[in-house]
């Protein structure tokens, strides 16, 4: 083996190599979808109450592009969909 070369090894009890597990995780849907009538929304990763505040992230302001109809939070991956927009199927 050459210096710096890494073989694709995985645990013998794991039938799928780690790189395939990573690729599979990149194709999963957003963990939570929130429909909203506003194009500008704030996300802090918490629920509706203060009990969830310890599980959140810094508050970020997101803008929904009317051409796509949705925006994803870069921290928690929540997807915000504009009601009546292109991405709204409900």
PDB file of N, CA and C in Angstrom:
ATOM      1  N   UNK A   1       0.845  -1.169   0.000  1.00  0.00           N
ATOM      2  CA  UNK A   1       0.000   0.000   0.000  1.00  0.00           C
ATOM      3  C   UNK A   1       0.893   1.237   0.000  1.00  0.00           C
ATOM      4  N   UNK A   2       0.581   2.198  -0.848  1.00  0.00           N
ATOM      5  CA  UNK A   2       1.347   3.438  -0.938  1.00  0.00           C
ATOM      6  C   UNK A   2       1.001   4.353   0.228  1.00  0.00           C
ATOM      7  N   UNK A   3       1.938   5.202   0.593  1.00  0.00           N
ATOM      8  CA  UNK A   3       1.721   6.150   1.679  1.00  0.00           C
ATOM      9  C   UNK A   3       0.568   7.084   1.329  1.00  0.00           C
ATOM     10  N   UNK A   4      -0.362   7.275   2.265  1.00  0.00           N
ATOM     11  CA  UNK A   4      -1.490   8.162   2.054  1.00  0.00           C
ATOM     12  C   UNK A   4      -2.673   7.503   1.357  1.00  0.00           C
ATOM     13  N   UNK A   5      -2.504   6.264   0.915  1.00  0.00           N
ATOM     14  CA  UNK A   5      -3.585   5.562   0.244  1.00  0.00           C
ATOM     15  C   UNK A   5      -4.506   4.955   1.283  1.00  0.00           C
ATOM     16  N   UNK A   6      -5.779   5.086   1.091  1.00  0.00           N
ATOM     17  CA  UNK A   6      -6.747   4.564   2.043  1.00  0.00           C
ATOM     18  C   UNK A   6      -7.619   3.534   1.348  1.00  0.00           C
ATOM     19  N   UNK A   7      -7.673   2.365   1.908  1.00  0.00           N
ATOM     20  CA  UNK A   7      -8.542   1.335   1.359  1.00  0.00           C
ATOM     21  C   UNK A   7      -9.951   1.528   1.897  1.00  0.00           C
ATOM     22  N   UNK A   8     -10.942   1.104   1.105  1.00  0.00           N
ATOM     23  CA  UNK A   8     -12.325   1.174   1.563  1.00  0.00           C
ATOM     24  C   UNK A   8     -12.613  -0.050   2.424  1.00  0.00           C
ATOM     25  N   UNK A   9     -12.348   0.062   3.699  1.00  0.00           N
ATOM     26  CA  UNK A   9     -12.620  -1.020   4.641  1.00  0.00           C
ATOM     27  C   UNK A   9     -13.836  -0.647   5.459  1.00  0.00           C
ATOM     28  N   UNK A  10     -14.612  -1.622   5.806  1.00  0.00           N
ATOM     29  CA  UNK A  10     -15.742  -1.394   6.689  1.00  0.00           C
ATOM     30  C   UNK A  10     -15.894  -2.582   7.629  1.00  0.00           C
ATOM     31  N   UNK A  11     -16.670  -2.378   8.648  1.00  0.00           N
ATOM     32  CA  UNK A  11     -16.854  -3.414   9.655  1.00  0.00           C
ATOM     33  C   UNK A  11     -17.440  -4.664   8.996  1.00  0.00           C
ATOM     34  N   UNK A  12     -16.970  -5.841   9.393  1.00  0.00           N
ATOM     35  CA  UNK A  12     -17.454  -7.078   8.768  1.00  0.00           C
ATOM     36  C   UNK A  12     -18.950  -7.307   8.965  1.00  0.00           C
ATOM     37  N   UNK A  13     -19.531  -6.751  10.023  1.00  0.00           N
ATOM     38  CA  UNK A  13     -20.962  -6.942  10.259  1.00  0.00           C
ATOM     39  C   UNK A  13     -21.810  -5.905   9.528  1.00  0.00           C
ATOM     40  N   UNK A  14     -21.186  -4.960   8.824  1.00  0.00           N
ATOM     41  CA  UNK A  14     -21.901  -3.922   8.075  1.00  0.00           C
ATOM     42  C   UNK A  14     -21.903  -4.310   6.596  1.00  0.00           C
ATOM     43  N   UNK A  15     -23.074  -4.652   6.016  1.00  0.00           N
ATOM     44  CA  UNK A  15     -23.118  -5.112   4.638  1.00  0.00           C
ATOM     45  C   UNK A  15     -22.898  -4.003   3.605  1.00  0.00           C
ATOM     46  N   UNK A  16     -22.982  -2.743   4.013  1.00  0.00           N
ATOM     47  CA  UNK A  16     -22.860  -1.626   3.081  1.00  0.00           C
ATOM     48  C   UNK A  16     -21.624  -0.803   3.432  1.00  0.00           C
ATOM     49  N   UNK A  17     -20.739  -0.538   2.460  1.00  0.00           N
ATOM     50  CA  UNK A  17     -19.568   0.298   2.739  1.00  0.00           C
ATOM     51  C   UNK A  17     -19.990   1.693   3.205  1.00  0.00           C
ATOM     52  N   UNK A  18     -19.205   2.349   4.074  1.00  0.00           N
ATOM     53  CA  UNK A  18     -19.567   3.659   4.627  1.00  0.00           C
ATOM     54  C   UNK A  18     -19.860   4.714   3.572  1.00  0.00           C
ATOM     55  N   UNK A  19     -19.141   4.727   2.462  1.00  0.00           N
ATOM     56  CA  UNK A  19     -19.386   5.759   1.452  1.00  0.00           C
ATOM     57  C   UNK A  19     -20.771   5.615   0.834  1.00  0.00           C
ATOM     58  N   UNK A  20     -21.305   4.395   0.745  1.00  0.00           N
ATOM     59  CA  UNK A  20     -22.658   4.216   0.234  1.00  0.00           C
ATOM     60  C   UNK A  20     -23.691   4.655   1.262  1.00  0.00           C
ATOM     61  N   UNK A  21     -23.397   4.443   2.539  1.00  0.00           N
ATOM     62  CA  UNK A  21     -24.308   4.938   3.576  1.00  0.00           C
ATOM     63  C   UNK A  21     -24.381   6.460   3.530  1.00  0.00           C
ATOM     64  N   UNK A  22     -23.219   7.105   3.324  1.00  0.00           N
ATOM     65  CA  UNK A  22     -23.190   8.561   3.223  1.00  0.00           C
ATOM     66  C   UNK A  22     -23.991   9.027   2.011  1.00  0.00           C
ATOM     67  N   UNK A  23     -23.821   8.387   0.872  1.00  0.00           N
ATOM     68  CA  UNK A  23     -24.543   8.773  -0.337  1.00  0.00           C
ATOM     69  C   UNK A  23     -26.038   8.580  -0.162  1.00  0.00           C
ATOM     70  N   UNK A  24     -26.434   7.520   0.508  1.00  0.00           N
ATOM     71  CA  UNK A  24     -27.846   7.267   0.742  1.00  0.00           C
ATOM     72  C   UNK A  24     -28.440   8.346   1.642  1.00  0.00           C
ATOM     73  N   UNK A  25     -27.667   8.832   2.626  1.00  0.00           N
ATOM     74  CA  UNK A  25     -28.170   9.854   3.522  1.00  0.00           C
ATOM     75  C   UNK A  25     -28.350  11.187   2.807  1.00  0.00           C
ATOM     76  N   UNK A  26     -27.639  11.411   1.710  1.00  0.00           N
ATOM     77  CA  UNK A  26     -27.749  12.668   0.972  1.00  0.00           C
ATOM     78  C   UNK A  26     -29.016  12.718   0.119  1.00  0.00           C
ATOM     79  N   UNK A  27     -29.716  11.601  -0.050  1.00  0.00           N
ATOM     80  CA  UNK A  27     -30.911  11.577  -0.879  1.00  0.00           C
ATOM     81  C   UNK A  27     -32.192  11.548  -0.066  1.00  0.00           C
ATOM     82  N   UNK A  28     -32.089  11.590   1.242  1.00  0.00           N
ATOM     83  CA  UNK A  28     -33.276  11.566   2.077  1.00  0.00           C
ATOM     84  C   UNK A  28     -33.958  12.926   2.067  1.00  0.00           C
ATOM     85  N   UNK A  29     -35.265  12.917   2.309  1.00  0.00           N
ATOM     86  CA  UNK A  29     -36.013  14.166   2.322  1.00  0.00           C
ATOM     87  C   UNK A  29     -35.710  14.967   3.586  1.00  0.00           C
ATOM     88  N   UNK A  30     -36.136  16.226   3.599  1.00  0.00           N
ATOM     89  CA  UNK A  30     -35.932  17.099   4.750  1.00  0.00           C
ATOM     90  C   UNK A  30     -36.623  16.494   5.972  1.00  0.00           C
ATOM     91  N   UNK A  31     -36.035  16.638   7.174  1.00  0.00           N
ATOM     92  CA  UNK A  31     -36.620  16.021   8.362  1.00  0.00           C
ATOM     93  C   UNK A  31     -37.965  16.612   8.769  1.00  0.00           C
ATOM     94  N   UNK A  32     -38.204  17.874   8.446  1.00  0.00           N
ATOM     95  CA  UNK A  32     -39.473  18.505   8.809  1.00  0.00           C
ATOM     96  C   UNK A  32     -39.828  19.509   7.732  1.00  0.00           C
ATOM     97  N   UNK A  33     -41.095  19.529   7.345  1.00  0.00           N
ATOM     98  CA  UNK A  33     -41.570  20.476   6.342  1.00  0.00           C
ATOM     99  C   UNK A  33     -42.619  21.368   6.984  1.00  0.00           C
ATOM    100  N   UNK A  34     -42.436  22.670   6.813  1.00  0.00           N
ATOM    101  CA  UNK A  34     -43.370  23.645   7.382  1.00  0.00           C
ATOM    102  C   UNK A  34     -43.919  24.494   6.251  1.00  0.00           C
ATOM    103  N   UNK A  35     -45.243  24.520   6.113  1.00  0.00           N
ATOM    104  CA  UNK A  35     -45.888  25.372   5.117  1.00  0.00           C
ATOM    105  C   UNK A  35     -46.126  26.742   5.744  1.00  0.00           C
ATOM    106  N   UNK A  36     -45.838  27.793   4.996  1.00  0.00           N
ATOM    107  CA  UNK A  36     -45.966  29.148   5.522  1.00  0.00           C
ATOM    108  C   UNK A  36     -46.512  30.095   4.455  1.00  0.00           C
ATOM    109  N   UNK A  37     -47.303  31.097   4.855  1.00  0.00           N
ATOM    110  CA  UNK A  37     -47.800  32.074   3.887  1.00  0.00           C
ATOM    111  C   UNK A  37     -46.792  33.204   3.632  1.00  0.00           C
ATOM    112  N   UNK A  38     -45.710  33.244   4.396  1.00  0.00           N
ATOM    113  CA  UNK A  38     -44.729  34.328   4.291  1.00  0.00           C
ATOM    114  C   UNK A  38     -43.505  33.890   3.494  1.00  0.00           C
ATOM    115  N   UNK A  39     -42.882  34.832   2.792  1.00  0.00           N
ATOM    116  CA  UNK A  39     -41.664  34.508   2.058  1.00  0.00           C
ATOM    117  C   UNK A  39     -40.422  34.724   2.912  1.00  0.00           C
ATOM    118  N   UNK A  40     -40.534  35.491   3.992  1.00  0.00           N
ATOM    119  CA  UNK A  40     -39.401  35.722   4.892  1.00  0.00           C
ATOM    120  C   UNK A  40     -39.735  35.119   6.251  1.00  0.00           C
ATOM    121  N   UNK A  41     -38.936  34.154   6.675  1.00  0.00           N
ATOM    122  CA  UNK A  41     -39.196  33.459   7.930  1.00  0.00           C
ATOM    123  C   UNK A  41     -37.912  33.337   8.739  1.00  0.00           C
ATOM    124  N   UNK A  42     -38.086  33.164  10.053  1.00  0.00           N
ATOM    125  CA  UNK A  42     -36.950  32.957  10.954  1.00  0.00           C
ATOM    126  C   UNK A  42     -36.986  31.512  11.434  1.00  0.00           C
ATOM    127  N   UNK A  43     -35.809  30.922  11.576  1.00  0.00           N
ATOM    128  CA  UNK A  43     -35.706  29.565  12.099  1.00  0.00           C
ATOM    129  C   UNK A  43     -34.636  29.536  13.173  1.00  0.00           C
ATOM    130  N   UNK A  44     -34.988  28.944  14.321  1.00  0.00           N
ATOM    131  CA  UNK A  44     -33.996  28.778  15.389  1.00  0.00           C
ATOM    132  C   UNK A  44     -33.911  27.318  15.833  1.00  0.00           C
ATOM    133  N   UNK A  45     -34.542  26.439  15.074  1.00  0.00           N
ATOM    134  CA  UNK A  45     -34.445  25.010  15.342  1.00  0.00           C
ATOM    135  C   UNK A  45     -35.280  24.501  16.489  1.00  0.00           C
ATOM    136  N   UNK A  46     -36.103  25.344  17.064  1.00  0.00           N
ATOM    137  CA  UNK A  46     -36.925  24.910  18.190  1.00  0.00           C
ATOM    138  C   UNK A  46     -38.374  24.749  17.759  1.00  0.00           C
ATOM    139  N   UNK A  47     -39.164  24.227  18.690  1.00  0.00           N
ATOM    140  CA  UNK A  47     -40.586  24.094  18.468  1.00  0.00           C
ATOM    141  C   UNK A  47     -41.305  25.365  18.876  1.00  0.00           C
ATOM    142  N   UNK A  48     -42.557  25.234  19.245  1.00  0.00           N
ATOM    143  CA  UNK A  48     -43.366  26.398  19.588  1.00  0.00           C
ATOM    144  C   UNK A  48     -43.146  26.897  21.011  1.00  0.00           C
ATOM    145  N   UNK A  49     -42.465  26.124  21.848  1.00  0.00           N
ATOM    146  CA  UNK A  49     -42.331  26.531  23.245  1.00  0.00           C
ATOM    147  C   UNK A  49     -40.891  26.683  23.682  1.00  0.00           C
ATOM    148  N   UNK A  50     -40.699  27.243  24.871  1.00  0.00           N
ATOM    149  CA  UNK A  50     -39.362  27.432  25.407  1.00  0.00           C
ATOM    150  C   UNK A  50     -38.726  26.126  25.869  1.00  0.00           C
ATOM    151  N   UNK A  51     -39.512  25.094  26.049  1.00  0.00           N
ATOM    152  CA  UNK A  51     -38.969  23.805  26.500  1.00  0.00           C
ATOM    153  C   UNK A  51     -37.981  23.234  25.489  1.00  0.00           C
ATOM    154  N   UNK A  52     -38.146  23.577  24.217  1.00  0.00           N
ATOM    155  CA  UNK A  52     -37.272  23.058  23.174  1.00  0.00           C
ATOM    156  C   UNK A  52     -36.055  23.944  22.924  1.00  0.00           C
ATOM    157  N   UNK A  53     -35.925  25.069  23.624  1.00  0.00           N
ATOM    158  CA  UNK A  53     -34.883  26.054  23.323  1.00  0.00           C
ATOM    159  C   UNK A  53     -33.471  25.478  23.428  1.00  0.00           C
ATOM    160  N   UNK A  54     -33.233  24.554  24.320  1.00  0.00           N
ATOM    161  CA  UNK A  54     -31.891  23.990  24.480  1.00  0.00           C
ATOM    162  C   UNK A  54     -31.481  23.137  23.278  1.00  0.00           C
ATOM    163  N   UNK A  55     -32.430  22.724  22.473  1.00  0.00           N
ATOM    164  CA  UNK A  55     -32.138  21.867  21.327  1.00  0.00           C
ATOM    165  C   UNK A  55     -32.025  22.644  20.024  1.00  0.00           C
ATOM    166  N   UNK A  56     -32.087  23.962  20.081  1.00  0.00           N
ATOM    167  CA  UNK A  56     -32.117  24.768  18.864  1.00  0.00           C
ATOM    168  C   UNK A  56     -30.752  25.145  18.329  1.00  0.00           C
ATOM    169  N   UNK A  57     -30.763  26.166  17.477  1.00  0.00           N
ATOM    170  CA  UNK A  57     -29.547  26.705  16.874  1.00  0.00           C
ATOM    171  C   UNK A  57     -29.706  28.221  16.797  1.00  0.00           C
ATOM    172  N   UNK A  58     -28.669  28.947  16.416  1.00  0.00           N
ATOM    173  CA  UNK A  58     -28.805  30.405  16.297  1.00  0.00           C
ATOM    174  C   UNK A  58     -29.924  30.770  15.319  1.00  0.00           C
ATOM    175  N   UNK A  59     -30.663  31.829  15.628  1.00  0.00           N
ATOM    176  CA  UNK A  59     -31.762  32.247  14.762  1.00  0.00           C
ATOM    177  C   UNK A  59     -31.203  32.785  13.453  1.00  0.00           C
ATOM    178  N   UNK A  60     -31.771  32.273  12.361  1.00  0.00           N
ATOM    179  CA  UNK A  60     -31.398  32.745  11.029  1.00  0.00           C
ATOM    180  C   UNK A  60     -32.661  33.172  10.290  1.00  0.00           C
ATOM    181  N   UNK A  61     -32.532  34.173   9.463  1.00  0.00           N
ATOM    182  CA  UNK A  61     -33.637  34.625   8.625  1.00  0.00           C
ATOM    183  C   UNK A  61     -33.465  34.029   7.245  1.00  0.00           C
ATOM    184  N   UNK A  62     -34.545  33.445   6.741  1.00  0.00           N
ATOM    185  CA  UNK A  62     -34.529  32.775   5.445  1.00  0.00           C
ATOM    186  C   UNK A  62     -35.537  33.438   4.517  1.00  0.00           C
ATOM    187  N   UNK A  63     -35.211  33.483   3.245  1.00  0.00           N
ATOM    188  CA  UNK A  63     -36.085  34.078   2.234  1.00  0.00           C
ATOM    189  C   UNK A  63     -36.452  33.005   1.213  1.00  0.00           C
ATOM    190  N   UNK A  64     -37.758  32.804   1.005  1.00  0.00           N
ATOM    191  CA  UNK A  64     -38.221  31.821   0.023  1.00  0.00           C
ATOM    192  C   UNK A  64     -38.233  32.472  -1.350  1.00  0.00           C
ATOM    193  N   UNK A  65     -37.530  31.859  -2.285  1.00  0.00           N
ATOM    194  CA  UNK A  65     -37.509  32.332  -3.662  1.00  0.00           C
ATOM    195  C   UNK A  65     -38.820  31.919  -4.326  1.00  0.00           C
ATOM    196  N   UNK A  66     -39.605  32.851  -4.854  1.00  0.00           N
ATOM    197  CA  UNK A  66     -40.887  32.496  -5.479  1.00  0.00           C
ATOM    198  C   UNK A  66     -40.747  31.525  -6.657  1.00  0.00           C
ATOM    199  N   UNK A  67     -39.587  31.486  -7.304  1.00  0.00           N
ATOM    200  CA  UNK A  67     -39.410  30.570  -8.440  1.00  0.00           C
ATOM    201  C   UNK A  67     -39.278  29.115  -8.007  1.00  0.00           C
ATOM    202  N   UNK A  68     -38.702  28.867  -6.808  1.00  0.00           N
ATOM    203  CA  UNK A  68     -38.578  27.495  -6.310  1.00  0.00           C
ATOM    204  C   UNK A  68     -39.705  27.165  -5.341  1.00  0.00           C
ATOM    205  N   UNK A  69     -40.180  28.151  -4.588  1.00  0.00           N
ATOM    206  CA  UNK A  69     -41.294  27.947  -3.665  1.00  0.00           C
ATOM    207  C   UNK A  69     -40.895  27.365  -2.321  1.00  0.00           C
ATOM    208  N   UNK A  70     -39.588  27.209  -2.052  1.00  0.00           N
ATOM    209  CA  UNK A  70     -39.170  26.672  -0.765  1.00  0.00           C
ATOM    210  C   UNK A  70     -37.776  27.153  -0.428  1.00  0.00           C
ATOM    211  N   UNK A  71     -37.406  26.975   0.852  1.00  0.00           N
ATOM    212  CA  UNK A  71     -36.048  27.228   1.318  1.00  0.00           C
ATOM    213  C   UNK A  71     -35.758  26.239   2.438  1.00  0.00           C
ATOM    214  N   UNK A  72     -34.502  25.778   2.520  1.00  0.00           N
ATOM    215  CA  UNK A  72     -34.079  24.855   3.570  1.00  0.00           C
ATOM    216  C   UNK A  72     -33.191  25.591   4.558  1.00  0.00           C
ATOM    217  N   UNK A  73     -33.365  25.298   5.848  1.00  0.00           N
ATOM    218  CA  UNK A  73     -32.508  25.865   6.882  1.00  0.00           C
ATOM    219  C   UNK A  73     -31.157  25.154   6.829  1.00  0.00           C
ATOM    220  N   UNK A  74     -30.085  25.925   6.827  1.00  0.00           N
ATOM    221  CA  UNK A  74     -28.752  25.352   6.774  1.00  0.00           C
ATOM    222  C   UNK A  74     -28.315  24.679   8.059  1.00  0.00           C
ATOM    223  N   UNK A  75     -28.994  24.979   9.175  1.00  0.00           N
ATOM    224  CA  UNK A  75     -28.639  24.363  10.455  1.00  0.00           C
ATOM    225  C   UNK A  75     -29.401  23.060  10.689  1.00  0.00           C
ATOM    226  N   UNK A  76     -30.719  23.115  10.629  1.00  0.00           N
ATOM    227  CA  UNK A  76     -31.521  21.952  11.027  1.00  0.00           C
ATOM    228  C   UNK A  76     -32.193  21.236   9.854  1.00  0.00           C
ATOM    229  N   UNK A  77     -32.007  21.732   8.643  1.00  0.00           N
ATOM    230  CA  UNK A  77     -32.559  21.132   7.426  1.00  0.00           C
ATOM    231  C   UNK A  77     -34.078  21.174   7.343  1.00  0.00           C
ATOM    232  N   UNK A  78     -34.725  21.994   8.178  1.00  0.00           N
ATOM    233  CA  UNK A  78     -36.167  22.159   8.006  1.00  0.00           C
ATOM    234  C   UNK A  78     -36.412  22.780   6.639  1.00  0.00           C
ATOM    235  N   UNK A  79     -37.474  22.337   6.004  1.00  0.00           N
ATOM    236  CA  UNK A  79     -37.862  22.906   4.711  1.00  0.00           C
ATOM    237  C   UNK A  79     -39.110  23.754   4.915  1.00  0.00           C
ATOM    238  N   UNK A  80     -39.037  24.995   4.489  1.00  0.00           N
ATOM    239  CA  UNK A  80     -40.167  25.912   4.552  1.00  0.00           C
ATOM    240  C   UNK A  80     -40.712  26.066   3.139  1.00  0.00           C
ATOM    241  N   UNK A  81     -42.008  25.763   2.983  1.00  0.00           N
ATOM    242  CA  UNK A  81     -42.665  25.804   1.680  1.00  0.00           C
ATOM    243  C   UNK A  81     -43.683  26.924   1.675  1.00  0.00           C
ATOM    244  N   UNK A  82     -43.652  27.741   0.640  1.00  0.00           N
ATOM    245  CA  UNK A  82     -44.589  28.848   0.482  1.00  0.00           C
ATOM    246  C   UNK A  82     -45.953  28.297   0.091  1.00  0.00           C
ATOM    247  N   UNK A  83     -46.970  28.591   0.891  1.00  0.00           N
ATOM    248  CA  UNK A  83     -48.321  28.120   0.616  1.00  0.00           C
ATOM    249  C   UNK A  83     -48.789  28.726  -0.711  1.00  0.00           C
ATOM    250  N   UNK A  84     -49.245  27.881  -1.605  1.00  0.00           N
ATOM    251  CA  UNK A  84     -49.699  28.308  -2.934  1.00  0.00           C
ATOM    252  C   UNK A  84     -48.559  28.486  -3.912  1.00  0.00           C
ATOM    253  N   UNK A  85     -47.332  28.245  -3.481  1.00  0.00           N
ATOM    254  CA  UNK A  85     -46.164  28.395  -4.344  1.00  0.00           C
ATOM    255  C   UNK A  85     -45.924  27.164  -5.199  1.00  0.00           C
ATOM    256  N   UNK A  86     -44.851  27.217  -5.971  1.00  0.00           N
ATOM    257  CA  UNK A  86     -44.508  26.145  -6.901  1.00  0.00           C
ATOM    258  C   UNK A  86     -44.325  24.798  -6.193  1.00  0.00           C
ATOM    259  N   UNK A  87     -43.710  24.799  -5.018  1.00  0.00           N
ATOM    260  CA  UNK A  87     -43.399  23.546  -4.309  1.00  0.00           C
ATOM    261  C   UNK A  87     -44.542  23.053  -3.418  1.00  0.00           C
ATOM    262  N   UNK A  88     -45.618  23.822  -3.311  1.00  0.00           N
ATOM    263  CA  UNK A  88     -46.727  23.451  -2.420  1.00  0.00           C
ATOM    264  C   UNK A  88     -47.621  22.420  -3.105  1.00  0.00           C
ATOM    265  N   UNK A  89     -47.697  21.251  -2.488  1.00  0.00           N
ATOM    266  CA  UNK A  89     -48.547  20.181  -3.034  1.00  0.00           C
ATOM    267  C   UNK A  89     -49.746  19.919  -2.145  1.00  0.00           C
ATOM    268  N   UNK A  90     -49.922  20.742  -1.100  1.00  0.00           N
ATOM    269  CA  UNK A  90     -50.984  20.467  -0.128  1.00  0.00           C
ATOM    270  C   UNK A  90     -52.106  21.318  -0.218  1.00  0.00           C
TER     271      UNK A  90
END
